[in-house]
């Protein structure tokens, strides 16, 4: 595997993990299991950023599993 391919693969993999984590945090907040503040901290976002995500979620956050 070339270094370029390995780098692209690793970047894509990490972004996929981040998206999955945000999806779980989104669900946990909506279900009342954790607070917005806790979700923001776990996702390394500000509370304002996470609240904005909750108010207008992109398709990748709400797509069915």
Protein backbone atom coordinates (compact mmCIF):
# COMPACT_ATOMS: atom_id res chain seq x y z
CA UNK A 1 0.00 0.00 0.00
CA UNK A 2 1.48 3.34 -1.00
CA UNK A 3 1.99 6.04 1.60
CA UNK A 4 -0.48 8.31 -0.19
CA UNK A 5 -3.17 5.61 -0.24
CA UNK A 6 -2.45 4.73 3.40
CA UNK A 7 -2.83 8.39 4.38
CA UNK A 8 -6.12 8.81 2.51
CA UNK A 9 -7.44 5.55 3.98
CA UNK A 10 -6.49 6.57 7.52
CA UNK A 11 -8.07 10.01 7.10
CA UNK A 12 -11.29 8.50 5.75
CA UNK A 13 -11.38 5.91 8.52
CA UNK A 14 -10.94 8.56 11.23
CA UNK A 15 -13.68 10.74 9.70
CA UNK A 16 -16.01 7.72 9.62
CA UNK A 17 -15.35 7.07 13.30
CA UNK A 18 -16.03 10.73 14.11
CA UNK A 19 -19.33 10.67 12.20
CA UNK A 20 -20.38 7.48 13.98
CA UNK A 21 -19.54 8.94 17.37
CA UNK A 22 -21.54 12.11 16.64
CA UNK A 23 -24.51 10.00 15.52
CA UNK A 24 -24.45 8.12 18.83
CA UNK A 25 -24.09 11.33 20.84
CA UNK A 26 -26.96 12.91 18.89
CA UNK A 27 -29.17 9.94 19.74
CA UNK A 28 -28.07 9.93 23.41
CA UNK A 29 -28.96 13.62 23.81
CA UNK A 30 -32.31 13.19 22.03
CA UNK A 31 -33.16 10.23 24.31
CA UNK A 32 -32.11 12.17 27.42
CA UNK A 33 -29.23 9.88 28.37
CA UNK A 34 -26.64 12.67 28.37
CA UNK A 35 -26.68 16.45 28.29
CA UNK A 36 -25.75 18.65 25.36
CA UNK A 37 -22.75 19.80 27.35
CA UNK A 38 -21.52 16.22 27.78
CA UNK A 39 -22.05 15.46 24.10
CA UNK A 40 -20.22 18.61 23.05
CA UNK A 41 -17.26 17.71 25.25
CA UNK A 42 -17.10 14.13 23.91
CA UNK A 43 -17.32 15.32 20.30
CA UNK A 44 -14.69 18.02 20.86
CA UNK A 45 -17.18 20.68 19.79
CA UNK A 46 -18.37 23.73 21.63
CA UNK A 47 -21.83 23.61 23.19
CA UNK A 48 -22.92 26.21 20.64
CA UNK A 49 -21.68 24.04 17.74
CA UNK A 50 -23.41 20.92 19.06
CA UNK A 51 -26.68 22.80 19.68
CA UNK A 52 -26.52 24.09 16.11
CA UNK A 53 -26.10 20.49 14.94
CA UNK A 54 -29.16 19.45 16.97
CA UNK A 55 -31.26 22.26 15.55
CA UNK A 56 -30.36 21.61 11.92
CA UNK A 57 -28.75 18.17 11.61
CA UNK A 58 -27.07 17.16 8.36
CA UNK A 59 -28.39 14.03 6.64
CA UNK A 60 -25.49 11.89 7.86
CA UNK A 61 -26.54 12.49 11.49
CA UNK A 62 -30.17 11.44 11.10
CA UNK A 63 -29.95 8.67 8.52
CA UNK A 64 -31.44 5.38 9.64
CA UNK A 65 -29.15 2.66 10.84
